[in-house]
Amino acid sequence: MVKGSLPDIAVTMASGREIHGAFSLIVDDVDSHAMLSETADLDGVSTESSSQNSSSQTPLDSPGGPRERIKQIQVEAETRRGEFARLLEEHAQVVRKLKMMEAEEQMTSSSSNVIGPTHA
């Protein structure tokens, strides 16, 4: 597993708005197990067990096979990405509204502090 921080990365929302911030990136080695078994096969250590495993594995295109699972994960990731983008946009709208309210409050408080001309 590799961890790293990427400073100041911009994420572009579906609306075209960019959000800047710091994000963490974690990359996990998902195929290290497969590489280890291939290495063992090359050494002749586990050739027998790997041939048994290959006959019991599901074909790539079969229902419940690896490709179907990958497609399912991709669809889920896209759904989550869309939800995340929606939440970020919603957050940005709340921040904009809050800033507008604060600006209006400052304007009303500064205008009420102005003393008008006095009549003598």
PDB file of N, CA and C in Angstrom:
ATOM      1  N   MET A   1       0.851  -1.170   0.000  1.00  0.00           N
ATOM      2  CA  MET A   1       0.000   0.000   0.000  1.00  0.00           C
ATOM      3  C   MET A   1       0.894   1.229   0.000  1.00  0.00           C
ATOM      4  N   VAL A   2       0.545   2.181  -0.832  1.00  0.00           N
ATOM      5  CA  VAL A   2       1.300   3.415  -0.940  1.00  0.00           C
ATOM      6  C   VAL A   2       0.385   4.550  -0.519  1.00  0.00           C
ATOM      7  N   LYS A   3       0.863   5.402   0.371  1.00  0.00           N
ATOM      8  CA  LYS A   3       0.076   6.553   0.795  1.00  0.00           C
ATOM      9  C   LYS A   3       0.832   7.808   0.421  1.00  0.00           C
ATOM     10  N   GLY A   4       0.110   8.814   0.053  1.00  0.00           N
ATOM     11  CA  GLY A   4       0.751  10.078  -0.259  1.00  0.00           C
ATOM     12  C   GLY A   4      -0.255  11.196  -0.224  1.00  0.00           C
ATOM     13  N   SER A   5       0.209  12.368   0.035  1.00  0.00           N
ATOM     14  CA  SER A   5      -0.649  13.541   0.025  1.00  0.00           C
ATOM     15  C   SER A   5      -0.312  14.385  -1.182  1.00  0.00           C
ATOM     16  N   LEU A   6      -1.329  14.842  -1.831  1.00  0.00           N
ATOM     17  CA  LEU A   6      -1.154  15.691  -2.994  1.00  0.00           C
ATOM     18  C   LEU A   6      -1.633  17.090  -2.625  1.00  0.00           C
ATOM     19  N   PRO A   7      -0.750  18.064  -2.571  1.00  0.00           N
ATOM     20  CA  PRO A   7      -1.156  19.402  -2.141  1.00  0.00           C
ATOM     21  C   PRO A   7      -1.934  20.138  -3.220  1.00  0.00           C
ATOM     22  N   ASP A   8      -2.948  20.852  -2.791  1.00  0.00           N
ATOM     23  CA  ASP A   8      -3.728  21.764  -3.619  1.00  0.00           C
ATOM     24  C   ASP A   8      -4.113  21.189  -4.976  1.00  0.00           C
ATOM     25  N   ILE A   9      -5.053  20.263  -4.958  1.00  0.00           N
ATOM     26  CA  ILE A   9      -5.570  19.664  -6.186  1.00  0.00           C
ATOM     27  C   ILE A   9      -6.952  20.254  -6.446  1.00  0.00           C
ATOM     28  N   ALA A  10      -7.243  20.543  -7.690  1.00  0.00           N
ATOM     29  CA  ALA A  10      -8.545  21.093  -8.053  1.00  0.00           C
ATOM     30  C   ALA A  10      -9.449  19.975  -8.551  1.00  0.00           C
ATOM     31  N   VAL A  11     -10.676  19.957  -8.036  1.00  0.00           N
ATOM     32  CA  VAL A  11     -11.695  19.016  -8.492  1.00  0.00           C
ATOM     33  C   VAL A  11     -12.720  19.830  -9.273  1.00  0.00           C
ATOM     34  N   THR A  12     -12.999  19.417 -10.492  1.00  0.00           N
ATOM     35  CA  THR A  12     -13.971  20.126 -11.318  1.00  0.00           C
ATOM     36  C   THR A  12     -15.333  19.466 -11.150  1.00  0.00           C
ATOM     37  N   MET A  13     -16.305  20.252 -10.734  1.00  0.00           N
ATOM     38  CA  MET A  13     -17.654  19.764 -10.497  1.00  0.00           C
ATOM     39  C   MET A  13     -18.370  19.601 -11.838  1.00  0.00           C
ATOM     40  N   ALA A  14     -19.490  18.913 -11.809  1.00  0.00           N
ATOM     41  CA  ALA A  14     -20.285  18.729 -13.016  1.00  0.00           C
ATOM     42  C   ALA A  14     -20.756  20.079 -13.560  1.00  0.00           C
ATOM     43  N   SER A  15     -20.923  21.052 -12.672  1.00  0.00           N
ATOM     44  CA  SER A  15     -21.354  22.387 -13.083  1.00  0.00           C
ATOM     45  C   SER A  15     -20.224  23.193 -13.711  1.00  0.00           C
ATOM     46  N   GLY A  16     -19.000  22.659 -13.674  1.00  0.00           N
ATOM     47  CA  GLY A  16     -17.852  23.359 -14.241  1.00  0.00           C
ATOM     48  C   GLY A  16     -17.074  24.145 -13.201  1.00  0.00           C
ATOM     49  N   ARG A  17     -17.602  24.225 -11.993  1.00  0.00           N
ATOM     50  CA  ARG A  17     -16.934  24.951 -10.918  1.00  0.00           C
ATOM     51  C   ARG A  17     -15.775  24.123 -10.388  1.00  0.00           C
ATOM     52  N   GLU A  18     -14.647  24.783 -10.114  1.00  0.00           N
ATOM     53  CA  GLU A  18     -13.485  24.083  -9.571  1.00  0.00           C
ATOM     54  C   GLU A  18     -13.419  24.295  -8.072  1.00  0.00           C
ATOM     55  N   ILE A  19     -13.100  23.224  -7.357  1.00  0.00           N
ATOM     56  CA  ILE A  19     -12.921  23.297  -5.915  1.00  0.00           C
ATOM     57  C   ILE A  19     -11.480  22.913  -5.634  1.00  0.00           C
ATOM     58  N   HIS A  20     -10.778  23.784  -4.931  1.00  0.00           N
ATOM     59  CA  HIS A  20      -9.375  23.533  -4.613  1.00  0.00           C
ATOM     60  C   HIS A  20      -9.276  23.045  -3.175  1.00  0.00           C
ATOM     61  N   GLY A  21      -8.336  22.169  -2.926  1.00  0.00           N
ATOM     62  CA  GLY A  21      -8.112  21.683  -1.576  1.00  0.00           C
ATOM     63  C   GLY A  21      -7.044  20.622  -1.567  1.00  0.00           C
ATOM     64  N   ALA A  22      -6.783  20.119  -0.387  1.00  0.00           N
ATOM     65  CA  ALA A  22      -5.789  19.056  -0.244  1.00  0.00           C
ATOM     66  C   ALA A  22      -6.520  17.725  -0.167  1.00  0.00           C
ATOM     67  N   PHE A  23      -6.058  16.762  -0.915  1.00  0.00           N
ATOM     68  CA  PHE A  23      -6.666  15.442  -0.945  1.00  0.00           C
ATOM     69  C   PHE A  23      -5.602  14.411  -0.619  1.00  0.00           C
ATOM     70  N   SER A  24      -6.017  13.300  -0.062  1.00  0.00           N
ATOM     71  CA  SER A  24      -5.102  12.192   0.185  1.00  0.00           C
ATOM     72  C   SER A  24      -5.343  11.126  -0.862  1.00  0.00           C
ATOM     73  N   LEU A  25      -4.285  10.486  -1.271  1.00  0.00           N
ATOM     74  CA  LEU A  25      -4.378   9.436  -2.273  1.00  0.00           C
ATOM     75  C   LEU A  25      -3.792   8.167  -1.677  1.00  0.00           C
ATOM     76  N   ILE A  26      -4.582   7.104  -1.663  1.00  0.00           N
ATOM     77  CA  ILE A  26      -4.117   5.819  -1.156  1.00  0.00           C
ATOM     78  C   ILE A  26      -4.236   4.820  -2.290  1.00  0.00           C
ATOM     79  N   VAL A  27      -3.134   4.177  -2.621  1.00  0.00           N
ATOM     80  CA  VAL A  27      -3.116   3.185  -3.687  1.00  0.00           C
ATOM     81  C   VAL A  27      -2.801   1.844  -3.047  1.00  0.00           C
ATOM     82  N   ASP A  28      -3.696   0.899  -3.202  1.00  0.00           N
ATOM     83  CA  ASP A  28      -3.508  -0.422  -2.624  1.00  0.00           C
ATOM     84  C   ASP A  28      -3.129  -1.391  -3.733  1.00  0.00           C
ATOM     85  N   ASP A  29      -2.187  -2.246  -3.464  1.00  0.00           N
ATOM     86  CA  ASP A  29      -1.724  -3.215  -4.453  1.00  0.00           C
ATOM     87  C   ASP A  29      -2.724  -4.365  -4.494  1.00  0.00           C
ATOM     88  N   VAL A  30      -3.615  -4.331  -5.488  1.00  0.00           N
ATOM     89  CA  VAL A  30      -4.694  -5.312  -5.543  1.00  0.00           C
ATOM     90  C   VAL A  30      -4.309  -6.607  -6.235  1.00  0.00           C
ATOM     91  N   ASP A  31      -3.230  -6.603  -7.014  1.00  0.00           N
ATOM     92  CA  ASP A  31      -2.872  -7.818  -7.739  1.00  0.00           C
ATOM     93  C   ASP A  31      -1.592  -8.466  -7.219  1.00  0.00           C
ATOM     94  N   SER A  32      -1.159  -8.081  -6.029  1.00  0.00           N
ATOM     95  CA  SER A  32       0.071  -8.674  -5.503  1.00  0.00           C
ATOM     96  C   SER A  32      -0.108 -10.172  -5.254  1.00  0.00           C
ATOM     97  N   HIS A  33      -1.313 -10.602  -4.878  1.00  0.00           N
ATOM     98  CA  HIS A  33      -1.554 -12.023  -4.634  1.00  0.00           C
ATOM     99  C   HIS A  33      -1.395 -12.809  -5.936  1.00  0.00           C
ATOM    100  N   ALA A  34      -1.940 -12.278  -7.024  1.00  0.00           N
ATOM    101  CA  ALA A  34      -1.829 -12.956  -8.319  1.00  0.00           C
ATOM    102  C   ALA A  34      -0.377 -13.031  -8.767  1.00  0.00           C
ATOM    103  N   MET A  35       0.366 -11.971  -8.521  1.00  0.00           N
ATOM    104  CA  MET A  35       1.775 -11.960  -8.915  1.00  0.00           C
ATOM    105  C   MET A  35       2.571 -12.985  -8.109  1.00  0.00           C
ATOM    106  N   LEU A  36       2.226 -13.119  -6.829  1.00  0.00           N
ATOM    107  CA  LEU A  36       2.923 -14.095  -5.996  1.00  0.00           C
ATOM    108  C   LEU A  36       2.656 -15.512  -6.485  1.00  0.00           C
ATOM    109  N   SER A  37       1.411 -15.803  -6.875  1.00  0.00           N
ATOM    110  CA  SER A  37       1.113 -17.160  -7.340  1.00  0.00           C
ATOM    111  C   SER A  37       1.779 -17.433  -8.683  1.00  0.00           C
ATOM    112  N   GLU A  38       1.888 -16.415  -9.555  1.00  0.00           N
ATOM    113  CA  GLU A  38       2.580 -16.600 -10.830  1.00  0.00           C
ATOM    114  C   GLU A  38       4.059 -16.876 -10.607  1.00  0.00           C
ATOM    115  N   THR A  39       4.647 -16.162  -9.668  1.00  0.00           N
ATOM    116  CA  THR A  39       6.059 -16.362  -9.352  1.00  0.00           C
ATOM    117  C   THR A  39       6.286 -17.768  -8.821  1.00  0.00           C
ATOM    118  N   ALA A  40       5.365 -18.224  -7.976  1.00  0.00           N
ATOM    119  CA  ALA A  40       5.495 -19.575  -7.437  1.00  0.00           C
ATOM    120  C   ALA A  40       5.375 -20.604  -8.555  1.00  0.00           C
ATOM    121  N   ASP A  41       4.491 -20.354  -9.529  1.00  0.00           N
ATOM    122  CA  ASP A  41       4.343 -21.267 -10.662  1.00  0.00           C
ATOM    123  C   ASP A  41       5.623 -21.331 -11.479  1.00  0.00           C
ATOM    124  N   LEU A  42       6.254 -20.200 -11.687  1.00  0.00           N
ATOM    125  CA  LEU A  42       7.489 -20.174 -12.463  1.00  0.00           C
ATOM    126  C   LEU A  42       8.597 -20.954 -11.763  1.00  0.00           C
ATOM    127  N   ASP A  43       8.591 -20.920 -10.460  1.00  0.00           N
ATOM    128  CA  ASP A  43       9.596 -21.653  -9.694  1.00  0.00           C
ATOM    129  C   ASP A  43       9.278 -23.139  -9.624  1.00  0.00           C
ATOM    130  N   GLY A  44       8.072 -23.521 -10.034  1.00  0.00           N
ATOM    131  CA  GLY A  44       7.679 -24.922  -9.999  1.00  0.00           C
ATOM    132  C   GLY A  44       7.241 -25.381  -8.625  1.00  0.00           C
ATOM    133  N   VAL A  45       6.992 -24.445  -7.739  1.00  0.00           N
ATOM    134  CA  VAL A  45       6.644 -24.804  -6.371  1.00  0.00           C
ATOM    135  C   VAL A  45       5.182 -25.200  -6.263  1.00  0.00           C
ATOM    136  N   SER A  46       4.305 -24.429  -6.860  1.00  0.00           N
ATOM    137  CA  SER A  46       2.882 -24.691  -6.658  1.00  0.00           C
ATOM    138  C   SER A  46       2.146 -24.930  -7.967  1.00  0.00           C
ATOM    139  N   THR A  47       2.750 -25.573  -8.900  1.00  0.00           N
ATOM    140  CA  THR A  47       2.126 -25.818 -10.199  1.00  0.00           C
ATOM    141  C   THR A  47       0.875 -26.674 -10.042  1.00  0.00           C
ATOM    142  N   GLU A  48       0.947 -27.662  -9.195  1.00  0.00           N
ATOM    143  CA  GLU A  48      -0.184 -28.568  -9.021  1.00  0.00           C
ATOM    144  C   GLU A  48      -1.381 -27.853  -8.416  1.00  0.00           C
ATOM    145  N   SER A  49      -1.157 -27.070  -7.372  1.00  0.00           N
ATOM    146  CA  SER A  49      -2.277 -26.384  -6.728  1.00  0.00           C
ATOM    147  C   SER A  49      -2.854 -25.304  -7.632  1.00  0.00           C
ATOM    148  N   SER A  50      -2.023 -24.646  -8.448  1.00  0.00           N
ATOM    149  CA  SER A  50      -2.547 -23.604  -9.329  1.00  0.00           C
ATOM    150  C   SER A  50      -3.391 -24.206 -10.442  1.00  0.00           C
ATOM    151  N   SER A  51      -3.058 -25.394 -10.914  1.00  0.00           N
ATOM    152  CA  SER A  51      -3.880 -26.016 -11.950  1.00  0.00           C
ATOM    153  C   SER A  51      -5.231 -26.411 -11.376  1.00  0.00           C
ATOM    154  N   GLN A  52      -5.275 -26.796 -10.115  1.00  0.00           N
ATOM    155  CA  GLN A  52      -6.548 -27.096  -9.475  1.00  0.00           C
ATOM    156  C   GLN A  52      -7.363 -25.816  -9.310  1.00  0.00           C
ATOM    157  N   ASN A  53      -6.701 -24.720  -8.926  1.00  0.00           N
ATOM    158  CA  ASN A  53      -7.397 -23.450  -8.743  1.00  0.00           C
ATOM    159  C   ASN A  53      -7.956 -22.934 -10.057  1.00  0.00           C
ATOM    160  N   SER A  54      -7.208 -23.077 -11.149  1.00  0.00           N
ATOM    161  CA  SER A  54      -7.672 -22.544 -12.425  1.00  0.00           C
ATOM    162  C   SER A  54      -8.906 -23.285 -12.917  1.00  0.00           C
ATOM    163  N   SER A  55      -9.026 -24.560 -12.613  1.00  0.00           N
ATOM    164  CA  SER A  55     -10.209 -25.295 -13.052  1.00  0.00           C
ATOM    165  C   SER A  55     -11.421 -24.950 -12.203  1.00  0.00           C
ATOM    166  N   SER A  56     -11.219 -24.495 -10.966  1.00  0.00           N
ATOM    167  CA  SER A  56     -12.351 -24.166 -10.107  1.00  0.00           C
ATOM    168  C   SER A  56     -12.734 -22.693 -10.189  1.00  0.00           C
ATOM    169  N   GLN A  57     -11.937 -21.861 -10.875  1.00  0.00           N
ATOM    170  CA  GLN A  57     -12.262 -20.443 -11.001  1.00  0.00           C
ATOM    171  C   GLN A  57     -13.359 -20.255 -12.039  1.00  0.00           C
ATOM    172  N   THR A  58     -14.146 -19.171 -11.847  1.00  0.00           N
ATOM    173  CA  THR A  58     -15.208 -18.886 -12.807  1.00  0.00           C
ATOM    174  C   THR A  58     -14.616 -18.238 -14.046  1.00  0.00           C
ATOM    175  N   PRO A  59     -15.164 -18.552 -15.218  1.00  0.00           N
ATOM    176  CA  PRO A  59     -14.687 -17.905 -16.448  1.00  0.00           C
ATOM    177  C   PRO A  59     -14.910 -16.393 -16.379  1.00  0.00           C
ATOM    178  N   LEU A  60     -14.098 -15.643 -17.117  1.00  0.00           N
ATOM    179  CA  LEU A  60     -14.139 -14.183 -17.052  1.00  0.00           C
ATOM    180  C   LEU A  60     -15.507 -13.607 -17.367  1.00  0.00           C
ATOM    181  N   ASP A  61     -16.183 -14.119 -18.390  1.00  0.00           N
ATOM    182  CA  ASP A  61     -17.445 -13.541 -18.832  1.00  0.00           C
ATOM    183  C   ASP A  61     -18.677 -14.198 -18.217  1.00  0.00           C
ATOM    184  N   SER A  62     -18.514 -15.169 -17.356  1.00  0.00           N
ATOM    185  CA  SER A  62     -19.672 -15.853 -16.781  1.00  0.00           C
ATOM    186  C   SER A  62     -20.347 -14.961 -15.742  1.00  0.00           C
ATOM    187  N   PRO A  63     -21.643 -15.218 -15.474  1.00  0.00           N
ATOM    188  CA  PRO A  63     -22.325 -14.457 -14.419  1.00  0.00           C
ATOM    189  C   PRO A  63     -21.603 -14.663 -13.096  1.00  0.00           C
ATOM    190  N   GLY A  64     -21.332 -13.583 -12.420  1.00  0.00           N
ATOM    191  CA  GLY A  64     -20.590 -13.663 -11.168  1.00  0.00           C
ATOM    192  C   GLY A  64     -19.097 -13.723 -11.381  1.00  0.00           C
ATOM    193  N   GLY A  65     -18.659 -13.656 -12.634  1.00  0.00           N
ATOM    194  CA  GLY A  65     -17.239 -13.698 -12.953  1.00  0.00           C
ATOM    195  C   GLY A  65     -16.563 -12.365 -12.682  1.00  0.00           C
ATOM    196  N   PRO A  66     -15.256 -12.345 -12.854  1.00  0.00           N
ATOM    197  CA  PRO A  66     -14.484 -11.130 -12.553  1.00  0.00           C
ATOM    198  C   PRO A  66     -14.908  -9.910 -13.368  1.00  0.00           C
ATOM    199  N   ARG A  67     -15.220 -10.076 -14.623  1.00  0.00           N
ATOM    200  CA  ARG A  67     -15.598  -8.907 -15.435  1.00  0.00           C
ATOM    201  C   ARG A  67     -16.922  -8.309 -14.974  1.00  0.00           C
ATOM    202  N   GLU A  68     -17.854  -9.184 -14.606  1.00  0.00           N
ATOM    203  CA  GLU A  68     -19.139  -8.690 -14.107  1.00  0.00           C
ATOM    204  C   GLU A  68     -18.935  -7.940 -12.795  1.00  0.00           C
ATOM    205  N   ARG A  69     -18.084  -8.474 -11.948  1.00  0.00           N
ATOM    206  CA  ARG A  69     -17.788  -7.822 -10.661  1.00  0.00           C
ATOM    207  C   ARG A  69     -17.099  -6.469 -10.889  1.00  0.00           C
ATOM    208  N   ILE A  70     -16.180  -6.421 -11.842  1.00  0.00           N
ATOM    209  CA  ILE A  70     -15.493  -5.165 -12.159  1.00  0.00           C
ATOM    210  C   ILE A  70     -16.502  -4.134 -12.651  1.00  0.00           C
ATOM    211  N   LYS A  71     -17.410  -4.558 -13.522  1.00  0.00           N
ATOM    212  CA  LYS A  71     -18.439  -3.649 -14.040  1.00  0.00           C
ATOM    213  C   LYS A  71     -19.315  -3.134 -12.902  1.00  0.00           C
ATOM    214  N   GLN A  72     -19.670  -4.017 -11.989  1.00  0.00           N
ATOM    215  CA  GLN A  72     -20.489  -3.637 -10.845  1.00  0.00           C
ATOM    216  C   GLN A  72     -19.752  -2.606  -9.984  1.00  0.00           C
ATOM    217  N   ILE A  73     -18.473  -2.812  -9.768  1.00  0.00           N
ATOM    218  CA  ILE A  73     -17.667  -1.877  -8.979  1.00  0.00           C
ATOM    219  C   ILE A  73     -17.570  -0.529  -9.691  1.00  0.00           C
ATOM    220  N   GLN A  74     -17.407  -0.558 -11.019  1.00  0.00           N
ATOM    221  CA  GLN A  74     -17.324   0.691 -11.784  1.00  0.00           C
ATOM    222  C   GLN A  74     -18.629   1.481 -11.701  1.00  0.00           C
ATOM    223  N   VAL A  75     -19.756   0.792 -11.793  1.00  0.00           N
ATOM    224  CA  VAL A  75     -21.055   1.459 -11.695  1.00  0.00           C
ATOM    225  C   VAL A  75     -21.221   2.067 -10.305  1.00  0.00           C
ATOM    226  N   GLU A  76     -20.853   1.308  -9.282  1.00  0.00           N
ATOM    227  CA  GLU A  76     -20.947   1.806  -7.915  1.00  0.00           C
ATOM    228  C   GLU A  76     -20.032   3.016  -7.706  1.00  0.00           C
ATOM    229  N   ALA A  77     -18.828   2.962  -8.251  1.00  0.00           N
ATOM    230  CA  ALA A  77     -17.887   4.083  -8.125  1.00  0.00           C
ATOM    231  C   ALA A  77     -18.433   5.325  -8.822  1.00  0.00           C
ATOM    232  N   GLU A  78     -19.029   5.152  -9.991  1.00  0.00           N
ATOM    233  CA  GLU A  78     -19.601   6.289 -10.722  1.00  0.00           C
ATOM    234  C   GLU A  78     -20.766   6.889  -9.945  1.00  0.00           C
ATOM    235  N   THR A  79     -21.586   6.035  -9.336  1.00  0.00           N
ATOM    236  CA  THR A  79     -22.704   6.509  -8.525  1.00  0.00           C
ATOM    237  C   THR A  79     -22.196   7.309  -7.336  1.00  0.00           C
ATOM    238  N   ARG A  80     -21.183   6.780  -6.667  1.00  0.00           N
ATOM    239  CA  ARG A  80     -20.610   7.488  -5.518  1.00  0.00           C
ATOM    240  C   ARG A  80     -19.965   8.803  -5.939  1.00  0.00           C
ATOM    241  N   ARG A  81     -19.315   8.805  -7.103  1.00  0.00           N
ATOM    242  CA  ARG A  81     -18.677  10.027  -7.594  1.00  0.00           C
ATOM    243  C   ARG A  81     -19.735  11.101  -7.841  1.00  0.00           C
ATOM    244  N   GLY A  82     -20.844  10.693  -8.437  1.00  0.00           N
ATOM    245  CA  GLY A  82     -21.937  11.635  -8.675  1.00  0.00           C
ATOM    246  C   GLY A  82     -22.519  12.176  -7.379  1.00  0.00           C
ATOM    247  N   GLU A  83     -22.688  11.303  -6.407  1.00  0.00           N
ATOM    248  CA  GLU A  83     -23.207  11.717  -5.103  1.00  0.00           C
ATOM    249  C   GLU A  83     -22.230  12.673  -4.418  1.00  0.00           C
ATOM    250  N   PHE A  84     -20.946  12.373  -4.506  1.00  0.00           N
ATOM    251  CA  PHE A  84     -19.919  13.233  -3.913  1.00  0.00           C
ATOM    252  C   PHE A  84     -19.929  14.610  -4.582  1.00  0.00           C
ATOM    253  N   ALA A  85     -20.044  14.634  -5.894  1.00  0.00           N
ATOM    254  CA  ALA A  85     -20.093  15.906  -6.625  1.00  0.00           C
ATOM    255  C   ALA A  85     -21.324  16.709  -6.212  1.00  0.00           C
ATOM    256  N   ARG A  86     -22.451  16.028  -6.055  1.00  0.00           N
ATOM    257  CA  ARG A  86     -23.680  16.707  -5.631  1.00  0.00           C
ATOM    258  C   ARG A  86     -23.514  17.303  -4.239  1.00  0.00           C
ATOM    259  N   LEU A  87     -22.915  16.536  -3.325  1.00  0.00           N
ATOM    260  CA  LEU A  87     -22.705  17.030  -1.964  1.00  0.00           C
ATOM    261  C   LEU A  87     -21.738  18.211  -1.933  1.00  0.00           C
ATOM    262  N   LEU A  88     -20.682  18.151  -2.747  1.00  0.00           N
ATOM    263  CA  LEU A  88     -19.745  19.275  -2.809  1.00  0.00           C
ATOM    264  C   LEU A  88     -20.430  20.533  -3.342  1.00  0.00           C
ATOM    265  N   GLU A  89     -21.248  20.370  -4.350  1.00  0.00           N
ATOM    266  CA  GLU A  89     -21.969  21.515  -4.914  1.00  0.00           C
ATOM    267  C   GLU A  89     -22.954  22.075  -3.896  1.00  0.00           C
ATOM    268  N   GLU A  90     -23.644  21.193  -3.183  1.00  0.00           N
ATOM    269  CA  GLU A  90     -24.581  21.624  -2.148  1.00  0.00           C
ATOM    270  C   GLU A  90     -23.840  22.393  -1.057  1.00  0.00           C
ATOM    271  N   HIS A  91     -22.684  21.905  -0.665  1.00  0.00           N
ATOM    272  CA  HIS A  91     -21.866  22.582   0.347  1.00  0.00           C
ATOM    273  C   HIS A  91     -21.453  23.967  -0.142  1.00  0.00           C
ATOM    274  N   ALA A  92     -21.042  24.057  -1.392  1.00  0.00           N
ATOM    275  CA  ALA A  92     -20.630  25.346  -1.957  1.00  0.00           C
ATOM    276  C   ALA A  92     -21.799  26.334  -1.954  1.00  0.00           C
ATOM    277  N   GLN A  93     -23.011  25.851  -2.243  1.00  0.00           N
ATOM    278  CA  GLN A  93     -24.188  26.723  -2.225  1.00  0.00           C
ATOM    279  C   GLN A  93     -24.472  27.232  -0.817  1.00  0.00           C
ATOM    280  N   VAL A  94     -24.341  26.356   0.175  1.00  0.00           N
ATOM    281  CA  VAL A  94     -24.566  26.754   1.568  1.00  0.00           C
ATOM    282  C   VAL A  94     -23.544  27.811   1.980  1.00  0.00           C
ATOM    283  N   VAL A  95     -22.292  27.622   1.586  1.00  0.00           N
ATOM    284  CA  VAL A  95     -21.241  28.589   1.920  1.00  0.00           C
ATOM    285  C   VAL A  95     -21.538  29.935   1.258  1.00  0.00           C
ATOM    286  N   ARG A  96     -21.945  29.909  -0.025  1.00  0.00           N
ATOM    287  CA  ARG A  96     -22.281  31.161  -0.716  1.00  0.00           C
ATOM    288  C   ARG A  96     -23.435  31.883  -0.017  1.00  0.00           C
ATOM    289  N   LYS A  97     -24.466  31.131   0.362  1.00  0.00           N
ATOM    290  CA  LYS A  97     -25.621  31.729   1.027  1.00  0.00           C
ATOM    291  C   LYS A  97     -25.218  32.316   2.375  1.00  0.00           C
ATOM    292  N   LEU A  98     -24.380  31.612   3.108  1.00  0.00           N
ATOM    293  CA  LEU A  98     -23.912  32.100   4.402  1.00  0.00           C
ATOM    294  C   LEU A  98     -23.121  33.392   4.241  1.00  0.00           C
ATOM    295  N   LYS A  99     -22.254  33.451   3.240  1.00  0.00           N
ATOM    296  CA  LYS A  99     -21.470  34.668   2.994  1.00  0.00           C
ATOM    297  C   LYS A  99     -22.378  35.833   2.616  1.00  0.00           C
ATOM    298  N   MET A 100     -23.410  35.565   1.815  1.00  0.00           N
ATOM    299  CA  MET A 100     -24.356  36.619   1.454  1.00  0.00           C
ATOM    300  C   MET A 100     -25.089  37.131   2.688  1.00  0.00           C
ATOM    301  N   MET A 101     -25.506  36.220   3.559  1.00  0.00           N
ATOM    302  CA  MET A 101     -26.202  36.614   4.782  1.00  0.00           C
ATOM    303  C   MET A 101     -25.289  37.446   5.674  1.00  0.00           C
ATOM    304  N   GLU A 102     -24.021  37.044   5.790  1.00  0.00           N
ATOM    305  CA  GLU A 102     -23.070  37.805   6.600  1.00  0.00           C
ATOM    306  C   GLU A 102     -22.845  39.194   6.016  1.00  0.00           C
ATOM    307  N   ALA A 103     -22.747  39.278   4.684  1.00  0.00           N
ATOM    308  CA  ALA A 103     -22.547  40.573   4.033  1.00  0.00           C
ATOM    309  C   ALA A 103     -23.758  41.478   4.257  1.00  0.00           C
ATOM    310  N   GLU A 104     -24.964  40.932   4.134  1.00  0.00           N
ATOM    311  CA  GLU A 104     -26.177  41.714   4.374  1.00  0.00           C
ATOM    312  C   GLU A 104     -26.231  42.193   5.814  1.00  0.00           C
ATOM    313  N   GLU A 105     -25.850  41.329   6.745  1.00  0.00           N
ATOM    314  CA  GLU A 105     -25.856  41.694   8.159  1.00  0.00           C
ATOM    315  C   GLU A 105     -24.875  42.829   8.425  1.00  0.00           C
ATOM    316  N   GLN A 106     -23.696  42.762   7.803  1.00  0.00           N
ATOM    317  CA  GLN A 106     -22.709  43.825   7.981  1.00  0.00           C
ATOM    318  C   GLN A 106     -23.221  45.137   7.394  1.00  0.00           C
ATOM    319  N   MET A 107     -23.887  45.061   6.249  1.00  0.00           N
ATOM    320  CA  MET A 107     -24.417  46.278   5.626  1.00  0.00           C
ATOM    321  C   MET A 107     -25.498  46.910   6.488  1.00  0.00           C
ATOM    322  N   THR A 108     -26.396  46.104   7.031  1.00  0.00           N
ATOM    323  CA  THR A 108     -27.475  46.651   7.857  1.00  0.00           C
ATOM    324  C   THR A 108     -26.935  47.188   9.171  1.00  0.00           C
ATOM    325  N   SER A 109     -25.943  46.519   9.745  1.00  0.00           N
ATOM    326  CA  SER A 109     -25.383  47.013  11.007  1.00  0.00           C
ATOM    327  C   SER A 109     -24.575  48.286  10.782  1.00  0.00           C
ATOM    328  N   SER A 110     -23.885  48.403   9.661  1.00  0.00           N
ATOM    329  CA  SER A 110     -23.112  49.618   9.394  1.00  0.00           C
ATOM    330  C   SER A 110     -24.031  50.778   9.018  1.00  0.00           C
ATOM    331  N   SER A 111     -25.140  50.520   8.345  1.00  0.00           N
ATOM    332  CA  SER A 111     -26.064  51.602   7.984  1.00  0.00           C
ATOM    333  C   SER A 111     -26.866  52.067   9.190  1.00  0.00           C
ATOM    334  N   SER A 112     -27.114  51.218  10.157  1.00  0.00           N
ATOM    335  CA  SER A 112     -27.842  51.631  11.356  1.00  0.00           C
ATOM    336  C   SER A 112     -26.938  52.400  12.305  1.00  0.00           C
ATOM    337  N   ASN A 113     -25.635  52.295  12.160  1.00  0.00           N
ATOM    338  CA  ASN A 113     -24.691  53.026  12.999  1.00  0.00           C
ATOM    339  C   ASN A 113     -24.431  54.434  12.474  1.00  0.00           C
ATOM    340  N   VAL A 114     -24.849  54.726  11.259  1.00  0.00           N
ATOM    341  CA  VAL A 114     -24.648  56.051  10.680  1.00  0.00           C
ATOM    342  C   VAL A 114     -25.629  57.012  11.337  1.00  0.00           C
ATOM    343  N   ILE A 115     -25.099  58.098  11.837  1.00  0.00           N
ATOM    344  CA  ILE A 115     -25.942  59.084  12.513  1.00  0.00           C
ATOM    345  C   ILE A 115     -26.335  60.146  11.498  1.00  0.00           C
ATOM    346  N   GLY A 116     -27.602  60.363  11.397  1.00  0.00           N
ATOM    347  CA  GLY A 116     -28.109  61.336  10.439  1.00  0.00           C
ATOM    348  C   GLY A 116     -27.883  62.761  10.917  1.00  0.00           C
ATOM    349  N   PRO A 117     -28.131  63.706  10.042  1.00  0.00           N
ATOM    350  CA  PRO A 117     -27.942  65.111  10.432  1.00  0.00           C
ATOM    351  C   PRO A 117     -28.937  65.499  11.526  1.00  0.00           C
ATOM    352  N   THR A 118     -28.482  66.274  12.467  1.00  0.00           N
ATOM    353  CA  THR A 118     -29.350  66.710  13.567  1.00  0.00           C
ATOM    354  C   THR A 118     -29.902  68.084  13.241  1.00  0.00           C
ATOM    355  N   HIS A 119     -31.127  68.290  13.601  1.00  0.00           N
ATOM    356  CA  HIS A 119     -31.766  69.588  13.364  1.00  0.00           C
ATOM    357  C   HIS A 119     -31.706  70.378  14.652  1.00  0.00           C
ATOM    358  N   ALA A 120     -31.190  71.580  14.600  1.00  0.00           N
ATOM    359  CA  ALA A 120     -31.076  72.391  15.802  1.00  0.00           C
ATOM    360  C   ALA A 120     -32.023  73.547  15.784  1.00  0.00           C
TER     361      ALA A 120
END
